[in-house]
């Protein structure tokens, strides 16, 4: 049985950053890249497992959804969910980013 945790950090290879992963996911999403294709690109580009690639995409996009609420209490924990935190901050600073990815939320 899997152990449940609220730690959504993803180990990255040396020299790679959370900001780079979030950039990659958001840019690919804006270009219309499918989720499956983005996951495969994350595996290739960042050396993530398929499971971690799916989580990275989910958390990167999830942070934008939380930013769309306009409620600062929805800010993810930077230590436990760094990809969601990074994308939340980007969406908070640039609401047009939310609107371009999720037009109904923007």
PDB file of N, CA and C in Angstrom:
ATOM      1  N   UNK A   1       0.847  -1.182   0.000  1.00  0.00           N
ATOM      2  CA  UNK A   1       0.000   0.000   0.000  1.00  0.00           C
ATOM      3  C   UNK A   1       0.895   1.248   0.000  1.00  0.00           C
ATOM      4  N   UNK A   2       0.609   2.242  -0.884  1.00  0.00           N
ATOM      5  CA  UNK A   2       1.470   3.427  -0.950  1.00  0.00           C
ATOM      6  C   UNK A   2       1.346   4.274   0.319  1.00  0.00           C
ATOM      7  N   UNK A   3       2.434   4.922   0.637  1.00  0.00           N
ATOM      8  CA  UNK A   3       2.436   5.839   1.773  1.00  0.00           C
ATOM      9  C   UNK A   3       2.014   7.221   1.276  1.00  0.00           C
ATOM     10  N   UNK A   4       1.056   7.838   1.941  1.00  0.00           N
ATOM     11  CA  UNK A   4       0.559   9.145   1.531  1.00  0.00           C
ATOM     12  C   UNK A   4       1.350  10.235   2.231  1.00  0.00           C
ATOM     13  N   UNK A   5       1.654  11.282   1.492  1.00  0.00           N
ATOM     14  CA  UNK A   5       2.421  12.394   2.023  1.00  0.00           C
ATOM     15  C   UNK A   5       1.960  13.679   1.357  1.00  0.00           C
ATOM     16  N   UNK A   6       2.211  14.787   2.011  1.00  0.00           N
ATOM     17  CA  UNK A   6       1.882  16.075   1.396  1.00  0.00           C
ATOM     18  C   UNK A   6       3.122  16.704   0.766  1.00  0.00           C
ATOM     19  N   UNK A   7       4.231  15.969   0.724  1.00  0.00           N
ATOM     20  CA  UNK A   7       5.464  16.448   0.103  1.00  0.00           C
ATOM     21  C   UNK A   7       5.404  16.151  -1.388  1.00  0.00           C
ATOM     22  N   UNK A   8       5.302  17.189  -2.194  1.00  0.00           N
ATOM     23  CA  UNK A   8       5.192  17.040  -3.641  1.00  0.00           C
ATOM     24  C   UNK A   8       6.454  17.501  -4.357  1.00  0.00           C
ATOM     25  N   UNK A   9       7.578  17.445  -3.658  1.00  0.00           N
ATOM     26  CA  UNK A   9       8.842  17.793  -4.300  1.00  0.00           C
ATOM     27  C   UNK A   9       9.242  16.679  -5.266  1.00  0.00           C
ATOM     28  N   UNK A  10       9.965  17.056  -6.293  1.00  0.00           N
ATOM     29  CA  UNK A  10      10.417  16.114  -7.310  1.00  0.00           C
ATOM     30  C   UNK A  10      11.929  16.263  -7.425  1.00  0.00           C
ATOM     31  N   UNK A  11      12.667  15.174  -7.254  1.00  0.00           N
ATOM     32  CA  UNK A  11      14.120  15.272  -7.371  1.00  0.00           C
ATOM     33  C   UNK A  11      14.518  15.604  -8.812  1.00  0.00           C
ATOM     34  N   UNK A  12      15.367  16.602  -8.954  1.00  0.00           N
ATOM     35  CA  UNK A  12      15.843  17.017 -10.271  1.00  0.00           C
ATOM     36  C   UNK A  12      17.329  16.699 -10.398  1.00  0.00           C
ATOM     37  N   UNK A  13      17.778  16.470 -11.620  1.00  0.00           N
ATOM     38  CA  UNK A  13      19.204  16.218 -11.811  1.00  0.00           C
ATOM     39  C   UNK A  13      20.023  17.458 -11.443  1.00  0.00           C
ATOM     40  N   UNK A  14      21.278  17.276 -11.088  1.00  0.00           N
ATOM     41  CA  UNK A  14      22.138  18.417 -10.771  1.00  0.00           C
ATOM     42  C   UNK A  14      22.126  19.436 -11.919  1.00  0.00           C
ATOM     43  N   UNK A  15      22.066  20.693 -11.548  1.00  0.00           N
ATOM     44  CA  UNK A  15      22.087  21.766 -12.534  1.00  0.00           C
ATOM     45  C   UNK A  15      20.733  22.125 -13.114  1.00  0.00           C
ATOM     46  N   UNK A  16      19.699  21.392 -12.767  1.00  0.00           N
ATOM     47  CA  UNK A  16      18.347  21.703 -13.258  1.00  0.00           C
ATOM     48  C   UNK A  16      17.536  22.283 -12.116  1.00  0.00           C
ATOM     49  N   UNK A  17      16.646  23.212 -12.439  1.00  0.00           N
ATOM     50  CA  UNK A  17      15.891  23.913 -11.403  1.00  0.00           C
ATOM     51  C   UNK A  17      14.385  23.738 -11.576  1.00  0.00           C
ATOM     52  N   UNK A  18      13.694  23.997 -10.490  1.00  0.00           N
ATOM     53  CA  UNK A  18      12.232  23.999 -10.514  1.00  0.00           C
ATOM     54  C   UNK A  18      11.736  25.007 -11.540  1.00  0.00           C
ATOM     55  N   UNK A  19      12.347  26.182 -11.577  1.00  0.00           N
ATOM     56  CA  UNK A  19      11.926  27.221 -12.523  1.00  0.00           C
ATOM     57  C   UNK A  19      12.038  26.733 -13.965  1.00  0.00           C
ATOM     58  N   UNK A  20      13.079  25.969 -14.280  1.00  0.00           N
ATOM     59  CA  UNK A  20      13.234  25.443 -15.641  1.00  0.00           C
ATOM     60  C   UNK A  20      12.118  24.465 -15.984  1.00  0.00           C
ATOM     61  N   UNK A  21      11.769  23.617 -15.052  1.00  0.00           N
ATOM     62  CA  UNK A  21      10.696  22.644 -15.295  1.00  0.00           C
ATOM     63  C   UNK A  21       9.373  23.376 -15.506  1.00  0.00           C
ATOM     64  N   UNK A  22       9.087  24.338 -14.646  1.00  0.00           N
ATOM     65  CA  UNK A  22       7.838  25.104 -14.780  1.00  0.00           C
ATOM     66  C   UNK A  22       7.823  25.853 -16.109  1.00  0.00           C
ATOM     67  N   UNK A  23       8.937  26.483 -16.489  1.00  0.00           N
ATOM     68  CA  UNK A  23       9.027  27.142 -17.805  1.00  0.00           C
ATOM     69  C   UNK A  23       8.686  26.168 -18.921  1.00  0.00           C
ATOM     70  N   UNK A  24       9.287  24.995 -18.852  1.00  0.00           N
ATOM     71  CA  UNK A  24       9.105  23.976 -19.875  1.00  0.00           C
ATOM     72  C   UNK A  24       7.639  23.575 -19.989  1.00  0.00           C
ATOM     73  N   UNK A  25       7.015  23.316 -18.855  1.00  0.00           N
ATOM     74  CA  UNK A  25       5.607  22.893 -18.850  1.00  0.00           C
ATOM     75  C   UNK A  25       4.699  24.007 -19.356  1.00  0.00           C
ATOM     76  N   UNK A  26       4.880  25.204 -18.839  1.00  0.00           N
ATOM     77  CA  UNK A  26       3.994  26.303 -19.244  1.00  0.00           C
ATOM     78  C   UNK A  26       4.187  26.660 -20.712  1.00  0.00           C
ATOM     79  N   UNK A  27       5.432  26.693 -21.165  1.00  0.00           N
ATOM     80  CA  UNK A  27       5.695  26.998 -22.576  1.00  0.00           C
ATOM     81  C   UNK A  27       5.097  25.936 -23.489  1.00  0.00           C
ATOM     82  N   UNK A  28       5.296  24.684 -23.135  1.00  0.00           N
ATOM     83  CA  UNK A  28       4.732  23.599 -23.937  1.00  0.00           C
ATOM     84  C   UNK A  28       3.217  23.638 -23.969  1.00  0.00           C
ATOM     85  N   UNK A  29       2.623  23.943 -22.833  1.00  0.00           N
ATOM     86  CA  UNK A  29       1.164  24.032 -22.763  1.00  0.00           C
ATOM     87  C   UNK A  29       0.658  25.169 -23.645  1.00  0.00           C
ATOM     88  N   UNK A  30       1.342  26.304 -23.594  1.00  0.00           N
ATOM     89  CA  UNK A  30       0.944  27.437 -24.442  1.00  0.00           C
ATOM     90  C   UNK A  30       1.071  27.111 -25.925  1.00  0.00           C
ATOM     91  N   UNK A  31       2.008  26.231 -26.264  1.00  0.00           N
ATOM     92  CA  UNK A  31       2.186  25.827 -27.663  1.00  0.00           C
ATOM     93  C   UNK A  31       1.185  24.748 -28.084  1.00  0.00           C
ATOM     94  N   UNK A  32       0.404  24.247 -27.139  1.00  0.00           N
ATOM     95  CA  UNK A  32      -0.602  23.240 -27.456  1.00  0.00           C
ATOM     96  C   UNK A  32      -0.087  21.807 -27.398  1.00  0.00           C
ATOM     97  N   UNK A  33       1.055  21.599 -26.774  1.00  0.00           N
ATOM     98  CA  UNK A  33       1.605  20.258 -26.635  1.00  0.00           C
ATOM     99  C   UNK A  33       0.701  19.435 -25.719  1.00  0.00           C
ATOM    100  N   UNK A  34       0.400  18.219 -26.118  1.00  0.00           N
ATOM    101  CA  UNK A  34      -0.478  17.375 -25.306  1.00  0.00           C
ATOM    102  C   UNK A  34       0.204  17.008 -23.993  1.00  0.00           C
ATOM    103  N   UNK A  35      -0.592  16.631 -23.010  1.00  0.00           N
ATOM    104  CA  UNK A  35      -0.060  16.225 -21.723  1.00  0.00           C
ATOM    105  C   UNK A  35       0.872  15.029 -21.833  1.00  0.00           C
ATOM    106  N   UNK A  36       0.482  14.037 -22.629  1.00  0.00           N
ATOM    107  CA  UNK A  36       1.320  12.849 -22.795  1.00  0.00           C
ATOM    108  C   UNK A  36       2.653  13.208 -23.446  1.00  0.00           C
ATOM    109  N   UNK A  37       2.608  14.078 -24.434  1.00  0.00           N
ATOM    110  CA  UNK A  37       3.841  14.481 -25.109  1.00  0.00           C
ATOM    111  C   UNK A  37       4.731  15.299 -24.168  1.00  0.00           C
ATOM    112  N   UNK A  38       4.120  16.191 -23.396  1.00  0.00           N
ATOM    113  CA  UNK A  38       4.890  16.964 -22.419  1.00  0.00           C
ATOM    114  C   UNK A  38       5.562  16.044 -21.405  1.00  0.00           C
ATOM    115  N   UNK A  39       4.827  15.050 -20.937  1.00  0.00           N
ATOM    116  CA  UNK A  39       5.402  14.103 -19.984  1.00  0.00           C
ATOM    117  C   UNK A  39       6.623  13.417 -20.579  1.00  0.00           C
ATOM    118  N   UNK A  40       6.505  12.975 -21.823  1.00  0.00           N
ATOM    119  CA  UNK A  40       7.630  12.291 -22.470  1.00  0.00           C
ATOM    120  C   UNK A  40       8.809  13.253 -22.640  1.00  0.00           C
ATOM    121  N   UNK A  41       8.534  14.486 -22.973  1.00  0.00           N
ATOM    122  CA  UNK A  41       9.603  15.479 -23.123  1.00  0.00           C
ATOM    123  C   UNK A  41      10.286  15.755 -21.787  1.00  0.00           C
ATOM    124  N   UNK A  42       9.513  15.767 -20.701  1.00  0.00           N
ATOM    125  CA  UNK A  42      10.104  15.953 -19.372  1.00  0.00           C
ATOM    126  C   UNK A  42      11.008  14.782 -19.004  1.00  0.00           C
ATOM    127  N   UNK A  43      10.610  13.583 -19.392  1.00  0.00           N
ATOM    128  CA  UNK A  43      11.445  12.406 -19.155  1.00  0.00           C
ATOM    129  C   UNK A  43      12.765  12.566 -19.911  1.00  0.00           C
ATOM    130  N   UNK A  44      12.680  12.943 -21.172  1.00  0.00           N
ATOM    131  CA  UNK A  44      13.865  13.072 -22.017  1.00  0.00           C
ATOM    132  C   UNK A  44      14.738  14.258 -21.610  1.00  0.00           C
ATOM    133  N   UNK A  45      14.119  15.414 -21.435  1.00  0.00           N
ATOM    134  CA  UNK A  45      14.861  16.656 -21.186  1.00  0.00           C
ATOM    135  C   UNK A  45      15.427  16.741 -19.767  1.00  0.00           C
ATOM    136  N   UNK A  46      14.673  16.267 -18.790  1.00  0.00           N
ATOM    137  CA  UNK A  46      15.070  16.448 -17.390  1.00  0.00           C
ATOM    138  C   UNK A  46      15.438  15.140 -16.689  1.00  0.00           C
ATOM    139  N   UNK A  47      15.296  14.023 -17.389  1.00  0.00           N
ATOM    140  CA  UNK A  47      15.645  12.744 -16.779  1.00  0.00           C
ATOM    141  C   UNK A  47      14.696  12.313 -15.676  1.00  0.00           C
ATOM    142  N   UNK A  48      13.456  12.785 -15.731  1.00  0.00           N
ATOM    143  CA  UNK A  48      12.463  12.409 -14.721  1.00  0.00           C
ATOM    144  C   UNK A  48      11.883  11.038 -15.040  1.00  0.00           C
ATOM    145  N   UNK A  49      11.423  10.357 -14.026  1.00  0.00           N
ATOM    146  CA  UNK A  49      10.647   9.145 -14.270  1.00  0.00           C
ATOM    147  C   UNK A  49       9.314   9.579 -14.879  1.00  0.00           C
ATOM    148  N   UNK A  50       8.606   8.650 -15.488  1.00  0.00           N
ATOM    149  CA  UNK A  50       7.306   8.999 -16.071  1.00  0.00           C
ATOM    150  C   UNK A  50       6.354   9.513 -14.984  1.00  0.00           C
ATOM    151  N   UNK A  51       6.375   8.871 -13.836  1.00  0.00           N
ATOM    152  CA  UNK A  51       5.511   9.284 -12.725  1.00  0.00           C
ATOM    153  C   UNK A  51       5.858  10.705 -12.262  1.00  0.00           C
ATOM    154  N   UNK A  52       7.155  11.009 -12.139  1.00  0.00           N
ATOM    155  CA  UNK A  52       7.560  12.352 -11.732  1.00  0.00           C
ATOM    156  C   UNK A  52       7.247  13.385 -12.812  1.00  0.00           C
ATOM    157  N   UNK A  53       7.337  12.994 -14.076  1.00  0.00           N
ATOM    158  CA  UNK A  53       6.989  13.917 -15.166  1.00  0.00           C
ATOM    159  C   UNK A  53       5.509  14.289 -15.093  1.00  0.00           C
ATOM    160  N   UNK A  54       4.655  13.297 -14.860  1.00  0.00           N
ATOM    161  CA  UNK A  54       3.217  13.569 -14.719  1.00  0.00           C
ATOM    162  C   UNK A  54       2.963  14.496 -13.533  1.00  0.00           C
ATOM    163  N   UNK A  55       3.648  14.239 -12.432  1.00  0.00           N
ATOM    164  CA  UNK A  55       3.478  15.073 -11.238  1.00  0.00           C
ATOM    165  C   UNK A  55       3.977  16.488 -11.497  1.00  0.00           C
ATOM    166  N   UNK A  56       5.107  16.628 -12.181  1.00  0.00           N
ATOM    167  CA  UNK A  56       5.650  17.955 -12.490  1.00  0.00           C
ATOM    168  C   UNK A  56       4.670  18.760 -13.339  1.00  0.00           C
ATOM    169  N   UNK A  57       4.081  18.123 -14.327  1.00  0.00           N
ATOM    170  CA  UNK A  57       3.105  18.811 -15.168  1.00  0.00           C
ATOM    171  C   UNK A  57       1.871  19.183 -14.348  1.00  0.00           C
ATOM    172  N   UNK A  58       1.380  18.243 -13.562  1.00  0.00           N
ATOM    173  CA  UNK A  58       0.202  18.487 -12.733  1.00  0.00           C
ATOM    174  C   UNK A  58       0.430  19.653 -11.771  1.00  0.00           C
ATOM    175  N   UNK A  59       1.549  19.656 -11.087  1.00  0.00           N
ATOM    176  CA  UNK A  59       1.808  20.696 -10.090  1.00  0.00           C
ATOM    177  C   UNK A  59       2.057  22.044 -10.754  1.00  0.00           C
ATOM    178  N   UNK A  60       2.753  22.043 -11.894  1.00  0.00           N
ATOM    179  CA  UNK A  60       3.011  23.305 -12.601  1.00  0.00           C
ATOM    180  C   UNK A  60       1.708  23.945 -13.059  1.00  0.00           C
ATOM    181  N   UNK A  61       0.806  23.152 -13.570  1.00  0.00           N
ATOM    182  CA  UNK A  61      -0.482  23.695 -14.014  1.00  0.00           C
ATOM    183  C   UNK A  61      -1.412  23.960 -12.833  1.00  0.00           C
ATOM    184  N   UNK A  62      -1.311  23.150 -11.797  1.00  0.00           N
ATOM    185  CA  UNK A  62      -2.146  23.344 -10.613  1.00  0.00           C
ATOM    186  C   UNK A  62      -1.877  24.658  -9.909  1.00  0.00           C
ATOM    187  N   UNK A  63      -0.638  25.092  -9.894  1.00  0.00           N
ATOM    188  CA  UNK A  63      -0.316  26.377  -9.286  1.00  0.00           C
ATOM    189  C   UNK A  63      -1.019  27.532  -9.991  1.00  0.00           C
ATOM    190  N   UNK A  64      -1.144  27.426 -11.313  1.00  0.00           N
ATOM    191  CA  UNK A  64      -1.858  28.477 -12.060  1.00  0.00           C
ATOM    192  C   UNK A  64      -3.339  28.493 -11.707  1.00  0.00           C
ATOM    193  N   UNK A  65      -3.918  27.321 -11.557  1.00  0.00           N
ATOM    194  CA  UNK A  65      -5.335  27.251 -11.179  1.00  0.00           C
ATOM    195  C   UNK A  65      -5.534  27.919  -9.825  1.00  0.00           C
ATOM    196  N   UNK A  66      -4.620  27.668  -8.909  1.00  0.00           N
ATOM    197  CA  UNK A  66      -4.729  28.288  -7.587  1.00  0.00           C
ATOM    198  C   UNK A  66      -4.546  29.800  -7.679  1.00  0.00           C
ATOM    199  N   UNK A  67      -3.648  30.244  -8.560  1.00  0.00           N
ATOM    200  CA  UNK A  67      -3.444  31.688  -8.740  1.00  0.00           C
ATOM    201  C   UNK A  67      -4.687  32.354  -9.303  1.00  0.00           C
ATOM    202  N   UNK A  68      -5.428  31.632 -10.129  1.00  0.00           N
ATOM    203  CA  UNK A  68      -6.625  32.191 -10.764  1.00  0.00           C
ATOM    204  C   UNK A  68      -7.672  32.615  -9.746  1.00  0.00           C
ATOM    205  N   UNK A  69      -7.629  32.036  -8.547  1.00  0.00           N
ATOM    206  CA  UNK A  69      -8.613  32.400  -7.527  1.00  0.00           C
ATOM    207  C   UNK A  69      -8.398  33.805  -7.001  1.00  0.00           C
ATOM    208  N   UNK A  70      -7.166  34.317  -7.139  1.00  0.00           N
ATOM    209  CA  UNK A  70      -6.856  35.641  -6.603  1.00  0.00           C
ATOM    210  C   UNK A  70      -6.740  35.658  -5.089  1.00  0.00           C
ATOM    211  N   UNK A  71      -6.773  34.496  -4.472  1.00  0.00           N
ATOM    212  CA  UNK A  71      -6.721  34.396  -3.019  1.00  0.00           C
ATOM    213  C   UNK A  71      -5.319  33.958  -2.592  1.00  0.00           C
ATOM    214  N   UNK A  72      -4.621  34.815  -1.871  1.00  0.00           N
ATOM    215  CA  UNK A  72      -3.250  34.501  -1.453  1.00  0.00           C
ATOM    216  C   UNK A  72      -3.188  33.308  -0.502  1.00  0.00           C
ATOM    217  N   UNK A  73      -4.302  32.971   0.137  1.00  0.00           N
ATOM    218  CA  UNK A  73      -4.321  31.786   1.011  1.00  0.00           C
ATOM    219  C   UNK A  73      -4.212  30.489   0.214  1.00  0.00           C
ATOM    220  N   UNK A  74      -4.415  30.553  -1.081  1.00  0.00           N
ATOM    221  CA  UNK A  74      -4.270  29.382  -1.944  1.00  0.00           C
ATOM    222  C   UNK A  74      -2.830  29.163  -2.402  1.00  0.00           C
ATOM    223  N   UNK A  75      -1.923  30.015  -1.932  1.00  0.00           N
ATOM    224  CA  UNK A  75      -0.522  29.871  -2.322  1.00  0.00           C
ATOM    225  C   UNK A  75       0.025  28.545  -1.798  1.00  0.00           C
ATOM    226  N   UNK A  76       0.579  27.719  -2.688  1.00  0.00           N
ATOM    227  CA  UNK A  76       1.158  26.444  -2.250  1.00  0.00           C
ATOM    228  C   UNK A  76       2.372  26.668  -1.345  1.00  0.00           C
ATOM    229  N   UNK A  77       2.672  25.678  -0.559  1.00  0.00           N
ATOM    230  CA  UNK A  77       3.841  25.714   0.307  1.00  0.00           C
ATOM    231  C   UNK A  77       5.093  25.562  -0.557  1.00  0.00           C
ATOM    232  N   UNK A  78       5.990  26.520  -0.484  1.00  0.00           N
ATOM    233  CA  UNK A  78       7.180  26.523  -1.330  1.00  0.00           C
ATOM    234  C   UNK A  78       8.072  25.307  -1.072  1.00  0.00           C
ATOM    235  N   UNK A  79       8.154  24.872   0.161  1.00  0.00           N
ATOM    236  CA  UNK A  79       9.005  23.746   0.499  1.00  0.00           C
ATOM    237  C   UNK A  79       8.417  22.396   0.135  1.00  0.00           C
ATOM    238  N   UNK A  80       7.093  22.276   0.228  1.00  0.00           N
ATOM    239  CA  UNK A  80       6.443  20.983  -0.012  1.00  0.00           C
ATOM    240  C   UNK A  80       5.880  20.824  -1.420  1.00  0.00           C
ATOM    241  N   UNK A  81       5.671  21.932  -2.118  1.00  0.00           N
ATOM    242  CA  UNK A  81       5.078  21.884  -3.459  1.00  0.00           C
ATOM    243  C   UNK A  81       5.720  22.985  -4.312  1.00  0.00           C
ATOM    244  N   UNK A  82       7.038  22.889  -4.533  1.00  0.00           N
ATOM    245  CA  UNK A  82       7.761  23.991  -5.166  1.00  0.00           C
ATOM    246  C   UNK A  82       7.333  24.305  -6.600  1.00  0.00           C
ATOM    247  N   UNK A  83       6.912  23.323  -7.364  1.00  0.00           N
ATOM    248  CA  UNK A  83       6.502  23.616  -8.742  1.00  0.00           C
ATOM    249  C   UNK A  83       5.172  24.359  -8.763  1.00  0.00           C
ATOM    250  N   UNK A  84       4.260  23.971  -7.902  1.00  0.00           N
ATOM    251  CA  UNK A  84       2.996  24.701  -7.810  1.00  0.00           C
ATOM    252  C   UNK A  84       3.240  26.116  -7.275  1.00  0.00           C
ATOM    253  N   UNK A  85       4.149  26.234  -6.309  1.00  0.00           N
ATOM    254  CA  UNK A  85       4.463  27.565  -5.770  1.00  0.00           C
ATOM    255  C   UNK A  85       5.021  28.463  -6.873  1.00  0.00           C
ATOM    256  N   UNK A  86       5.964  27.929  -7.646  1.00  0.00           N
ATOM    257  CA  UNK A  86       6.585  28.711  -8.732  1.00  0.00           C
ATOM    258  C   UNK A  86       5.545  29.169  -9.751  1.00  0.00           C
ATOM    259  N   UNK A  87       4.673  28.266 -10.174  1.00  0.00           N
ATOM    260  CA  UNK A  87       3.677  28.665 -11.174  1.00  0.00           C
ATOM    261  C   UNK A  87       2.603  29.569 -10.577  1.00  0.00           C
ATOM    262  N   UNK A  88       2.265  29.364  -9.307  1.00  0.00           N
ATOM    263  CA  UNK A  88       1.329  30.265  -8.621  1.00  0.00           C
ATOM    264  C   UNK A  88       1.876  31.692  -8.646  1.00  0.00           C
ATOM    265  N   UNK A  89       3.145  31.835  -8.301  1.00  0.00           N
ATOM    266  CA  UNK A  89       3.763  33.165  -8.283  1.00  0.00           C
ATOM    267  C   UNK A  89       3.765  33.791  -9.671  1.00  0.00           C
ATOM    268  N   UNK A  90       4.039  32.998 -10.684  1.00  0.00           N
ATOM    269  CA  UNK A  90       4.014  33.521 -12.054  1.00  0.00           C
ATOM    270  C   UNK A  90       2.610  33.968 -12.442  1.00  0.00           C
ATOM    271  N   UNK A  91       1.626  33.158 -12.098  1.00  0.00           N
ATOM    272  CA  UNK A  91       0.244  33.519 -12.398  1.00  0.00           C
ATOM    273  C   UNK A  91      -0.226  34.731 -11.618  1.00  0.00           C
ATOM    274  N   UNK A  92       0.254  34.867 -10.398  1.00  0.00           N
ATOM    275  CA  UNK A  92      -0.097  36.028  -9.574  1.00  0.00           C
ATOM    276  C   UNK A  92       0.517  37.298 -10.170  1.00  0.00           C
ATOM    277  N   UNK A  93       1.769  37.200 -10.619  1.00  0.00           N
ATOM    278  CA  UNK A  93       2.449  38.358 -11.208  1.00  0.00           C
ATOM    279  C   UNK A  93       1.926  38.701 -12.597  1.00  0.00           C
ATOM    280  N   UNK A  94       1.480  37.684 -13.337  1.00  0.00           N
ATOM    281  CA  UNK A  94       1.030  37.888 -14.715  1.00  0.00           C
ATOM    282  C   UNK A  94      -0.282  37.140 -14.941  1.00  0.00           C
ATOM    283  N   UNK A  95      -1.401  37.757 -14.566  1.00  0.00           N
ATOM    284  CA  UNK A  95      -2.695  37.092 -14.732  1.00  0.00           C
ATOM    285  C   UNK A  95      -3.000  36.697 -16.174  1.00  0.00           C
ATOM    286  N   UNK A  96      -2.359  37.353 -17.145  1.00  0.00           N
ATOM    287  CA  UNK A  96      -2.606  36.974 -18.539  1.00  0.00           C
ATOM    288  C   UNK A  96      -2.111  35.554 -18.812  1.00  0.00           C
ATOM    289  N   UNK A  97      -1.138  35.088 -18.048  1.00  0.00           N
ATOM    290  CA  UNK A  97      -0.651  33.718 -18.197  1.00  0.00           C
ATOM    291  C   UNK A  97      -1.766  32.729 -17.872  1.00  0.00           C
ATOM    292  N   UNK A  98      -2.478  32.971 -16.803  1.00  0.00           N
ATOM    293  CA  UNK A  98      -3.614  32.125 -16.433  1.00  0.00           C
ATOM    294  C   UNK A  98      -4.656  32.163 -17.548  1.00  0.00           C
ATOM    295  N   UNK A  99      -4.967  33.358 -18.027  1.00  0.00           N
ATOM    296  CA  UNK A  99      -5.995  33.519 -19.056  1.00  0.00           C
ATOM    297  C   UNK A  99      -5.612  32.833 -20.362  1.00  0.00           C
ATOM    298  N   UNK A 100      -4.334  32.818 -20.700  1.00  0.00           N
ATOM    299  CA  UNK A 100      -3.902  32.180 -21.948  1.00  0.00           C
ATOM    300  C   UNK A 100      -3.963  30.654 -21.861  1.00  0.00           C
ATOM    301  N   UNK A 101      -3.709  30.107 -20.680  1.00  0.00           N
ATOM    302  CA  UNK A 101      -3.744  28.652 -20.522  1.00  0.00           C
ATOM    303  C   UNK A 101      -5.140  28.167 -20.159  1.00  0.00           C
ATOM    304  N   UNK A 102      -5.799  28.924 -19.302  1.00  0.00           N
ATOM    305  CA  UNK A 102      -7.160  28.576 -18.855  1.00  0.00           C
ATOM    306  C   UNK A 102      -8.085  29.771 -19.112  1.00  0.00           C
ATOM    307  N   UNK A 103      -8.520  29.958 -20.362  1.00  0.00           N
ATOM    308  CA  UNK A 103      -9.323  31.144 -20.695  1.00  0.00           C
ATOM    309  C   UNK A 103     -10.550  31.347 -19.821  1.00  0.00           C
ATOM    310  N   UNK A 104     -11.182  30.279 -19.380  1.00  0.00           N
ATOM    311  CA  UNK A 104     -12.389  30.433 -18.551  1.00  0.00           C
ATOM    312  C   UNK A 104     -12.085  30.908 -17.141  1.00  0.00           C
ATOM    313  N   UNK A 105     -10.821  30.773 -16.716  1.00  0.00           N
ATOM    314  CA  UNK A 105     -10.447  31.192 -15.370  1.00  0.00           C
ATOM    315  C   UNK A 105      -9.868  32.602 -15.327  1.00  0.00           C
ATOM    316  N   UNK A 106      -9.389  33.067 -16.469  1.00  0.00           N
ATOM    317  CA  UNK A 106      -8.654  34.340 -16.510  1.00  0.00           C
ATOM    318  C   UNK A 106      -9.480  35.550 -16.479  1.00  0.00           C
TER     319      UNK A 106
END
